[in-house]
């Protein structure tokens, strides 16, 4: 494959777990952010270089974060512990706040 190729090849299945779908949909709608805008901003093809750069500078927990290519969103990975905390203790008060 050529060095300057724009193609992103993922050789493993990619799974996405969605949590609090209705709550996040309402929160995005309040800010005027559509699902289409999310899909465009978070496209793996346009964010490829940011993903690889983020992996080079992971945090102390081993997770990493980066800005989407258009700088509209921050993407952060979570450890299992962070995920459990978010799902069990943080999410409901977070959505209630907004």
Foldseek 3Di string as FASTA:
>chain_A
DDPPDLDDDDPDDDDDDDDPVVLVCVVCVVVPHDPVNVCVQPPCSQCVVQVVVQQVDADPVSKTWGAGNVRPDIDIDDDPVRVCCCVPPNVVVVSVVD
